[in-house]
Amino acid sequence: MATVLAGVALSGCSRTVIVDPAKDAANPECADIMLTLPDEISGAKARTTSSQGTKAWGDPNIAVLRCGVTPPGPTTDQCVSVSGVDWISKPTDDDDSTWMFTSYGRTPAVEVLVNRKAESGNDVLAAISPALAKIKPDEKCVGADDLEG
């Protein structure tokens, strides 16, 4: 993850966003997801990225996506549901300016880094989630209220 963040941070002024591919970026399901992602999020246009299964929006970047990351297992991290897609969310650095959202319960999994100083995570996920909704979930997030006592 550090390599991805470094590449994203260093690429703000370049034409191509340097993003390391995820382990399963060649998964055919990733190709389907990539083809249906929006060309624009909140006015920020998609940019060219350096790797298969990746996409970025904005200059500077508001969001960077990698398809084919390792699906997360059960966790106590916060989970949000946007347009029927569950996302695990957590900050990636000490100042909370970049948040990482990882799709939960779907294979392949998708990771999205959002620059919260530039855009709302909810807006980014609302734009991206419809592309993932085509993949049937194997799991869903559950909270304490969902567990039987």
Protein backbone atom coordinates (compact mmCIF):
# COMPACT_ATOMS: atom_id res chain seq x y z
CA MET A 1 0.00 0.00 0.00
CA ALA A 2 2.88 2.39 0.72
CA THR A 3 4.08 2.06 -2.87
CA VAL A 4 0.66 2.96 -4.19
CA LEU A 5 0.43 5.99 -1.92
CA ALA A 6 3.92 7.15 -2.87
CA GLY A 7 3.10 6.80 -6.54
CA VAL A 8 -0.12 8.71 -6.11
CA ALA A 9 1.52 11.48 -4.11
CA LEU A 10 4.33 11.94 -6.62
CA SER A 11 2.11 11.96 -9.65
CA GLY A 12 -0.06 15.00 -8.96
CA CYS A 13 1.53 17.09 -11.73
CA SER A 14 2.18 14.32 -14.25
CA ARG A 15 -0.10 13.21 -17.04
CA THR A 16 0.02 9.53 -16.06
CA VAL A 17 -0.75 8.51 -12.50
CA ILE A 18 1.72 5.87 -11.30
CA VAL A 19 -0.23 3.11 -9.55
CA ASP A 20 1.06 -0.37 -8.74
CA PRO A 21 -1.31 -3.06 -10.01
CA ALA A 22 -3.14 -5.27 -7.53
CA LYS A 23 -2.24 -8.96 -7.32
CA ASP A 24 -5.39 -10.05 -9.23
CA ALA A 25 -5.63 -7.07 -11.63
CA ALA A 26 -5.86 -9.43 -14.63
CA ASN A 27 -9.09 -10.99 -13.31
CA PRO A 28 -11.70 -10.80 -16.12
CA GLU A 29 -14.20 -9.38 -13.61
CA CYS A 30 -11.82 -6.42 -13.13
CA ALA A 31 -12.02 -5.73 -16.86
CA ASP A 32 -15.81 -5.60 -16.60
CA ILE A 33 -15.59 -3.23 -13.63
CA MET A 34 -13.04 -0.98 -15.31
CA LEU A 35 -15.20 -0.63 -18.44
CA THR A 36 -18.20 0.58 -16.43
CA LEU A 37 -16.45 3.04 -14.10
CA PRO A 38 -17.40 6.69 -14.60
CA ASP A 39 -15.26 8.99 -16.74
CA GLU A 40 -15.86 11.77 -14.23
CA ILE A 41 -16.52 12.06 -10.49
CA SER A 42 -17.85 15.36 -9.13
CA GLY A 43 -16.39 17.21 -12.11
CA ALA A 44 -12.96 15.53 -11.82
CA LYS A 45 -12.08 13.77 -15.06
CA ALA A 46 -10.48 10.32 -15.26
CA ARG A 47 -6.74 10.27 -15.90
CA THR A 48 -4.42 7.75 -17.49
CA THR A 49 -2.81 5.33 -15.05
CA SER A 50 0.30 3.18 -15.40
CA SER A 51 -1.18 -0.24 -14.63
CA GLN A 52 -3.94 -2.63 -15.61
CA GLY A 53 -6.98 -2.60 -13.34
CA THR A 54 -6.39 0.95 -12.08
CA LYS A 55 -8.09 4.31 -12.57
CA ALA A 56 -7.63 7.80 -11.14
CA TRP A 57 -9.73 10.95 -11.19
CA GLY A 58 -8.74 14.60 -10.85
CA ASP A 59 -5.54 16.61 -11.07
CA PRO A 60 -4.51 16.61 -8.31
CA ASN A 61 -6.04 13.22 -7.61
CA ILE A 62 -9.31 13.06 -5.74
CA ALA A 63 -9.46 9.25 -5.98
CA VAL A 64 -7.33 6.33 -7.15
CA LEU A 65 -8.78 2.86 -7.67
CA ARG A 66 -7.13 -0.58 -7.90
CA CYS A 67 -9.13 -3.66 -8.84
CA GLY A 68 -7.99 -7.13 -7.82
CA VAL A 69 -6.72 -6.45 -4.30
CA THR A 70 -6.89 -9.27 -1.77
CA PRO A 71 -10.47 -9.47 -0.48
CA PRO A 72 -10.60 -8.47 3.19
CA GLY A 73 -11.71 -10.97 5.78
CA PRO A 74 -13.94 -10.28 8.76
CA THR A 75 -12.91 -7.10 10.53
CA THR A 76 -13.98 -4.68 13.21
CA ASP A 77 -13.09 -1.71 10.94
CA GLN A 78 -15.96 0.57 9.99
CA CYS A 79 -18.12 -0.69 7.13
CA VAL A 80 -20.43 1.47 5.04
CA SER A 81 -22.91 0.42 2.39
CA VAL A 82 -23.26 2.60 -0.70
CA SER A 83 -25.68 1.67 -3.49
CA GLY A 84 -25.80 -1.91 -2.23
CA VAL A 85 -22.00 -2.33 -2.10
CA ASP A 86 -20.26 -2.76 1.27
CA TRP A 87 -16.97 -0.90 1.83
CA ILE A 88 -14.51 -1.16 4.70
CA SER A 89 -13.13 2.27 5.47
CA LYS A 90 -10.11 3.49 7.39
CA PRO A 91 -7.59 6.33 7.26
CA THR A 92 -4.24 5.63 5.63
CA ASP A 93 -2.17 8.27 7.40
CA ASP A 94 -1.97 10.22 10.64
CA ASP A 95 -3.79 13.35 9.47
CA ASP A 96 -6.82 11.50 8.04
CA SER A 97 -6.48 13.29 4.68
CA THR A 98 -6.44 10.04 2.69
CA TRP A 99 -8.96 7.30 3.36
CA MET A 100 -8.85 3.80 1.98
CA PHE A 101 -12.08 2.06 1.08
CA THR A 102 -11.97 -1.66 0.22
CA SER A 103 -15.00 -3.44 -1.16
CA TYR A 104 -16.20 -6.19 1.14
CA GLY A 105 -17.78 -9.50 0.20
CA ARG A 106 -17.04 -9.38 -3.54
CA THR A 107 -14.30 -11.00 -5.58
CA PRO A 108 -12.34 -9.39 -7.02
CA ALA A 109 -12.05 -6.74 -4.35
CA VAL A 110 -11.55 -3.07 -5.20
CA GLU A 111 -9.50 -0.56 -3.22
CA VAL A 112 -10.13 3.17 -3.51
CA LEU A 113 -7.91 5.86 -2.00
CA VAL A 114 -9.79 9.12 -1.54
CA ASN A 115 -8.20 12.51 -0.90
CA ARG A 116 -10.68 13.79 1.68
CA LYS A 117 -9.33 17.32 1.39
CA ALA A 118 -10.48 17.34 -2.24
CA GLU A 119 -13.62 15.17 -2.26
CA SER A 120 -16.11 13.34 -0.07
CA GLY A 121 -15.61 9.60 0.23
CA ASN A 122 -19.37 9.15 -0.04
CA ASP A 123 -19.47 10.99 -3.39
CA VAL A 124 -16.63 8.88 -4.76
CA LEU A 125 -18.19 5.61 -3.58
CA ALA A 126 -21.60 6.65 -4.94
CA ALA A 127 -20.01 7.10 -8.37
CA ILE A 128 -17.99 3.86 -8.26
CA SER A 129 -20.38 1.43 -6.52
CA PRO A 130 -22.70 0.84 -9.50
CA ALA A 131 -19.78 -0.72 -11.41
CA LEU A 132 -19.21 -3.19 -8.56
CA ALA A 133 -22.88 -3.93 -7.97
CA LYS A 134 -22.86 -6.24 -11.00
CA ILE A 135 -20.70 -8.72 -9.07
CA LYS A 136 -22.79 -10.84 -6.74
CA PRO A 137 -21.67 -10.51 -3.10
CA ASP A 138 -20.51 -13.59 -1.20
CA GLU A 139 -20.60 -11.81 2.17
CA LYS A 140 -22.02 -8.63 3.65
CA CYS A 141 -21.04 -6.39 6.50
CA VAL A 142 -22.77 -7.08 9.77
CA GLY A 143 -22.93 -5.02 12.89
CA ALA A 144 -23.69 -5.82 16.49
CA ASP A 145 -27.40 -5.27 15.81
CA ASP A 146 -27.29 -7.95 13.08
CA LEU A 147 -25.97 -10.67 15.39
CA GLU A 148 -28.39 -12.93 17.19
CA GLY A 149 -27.99 -12.94 20.93
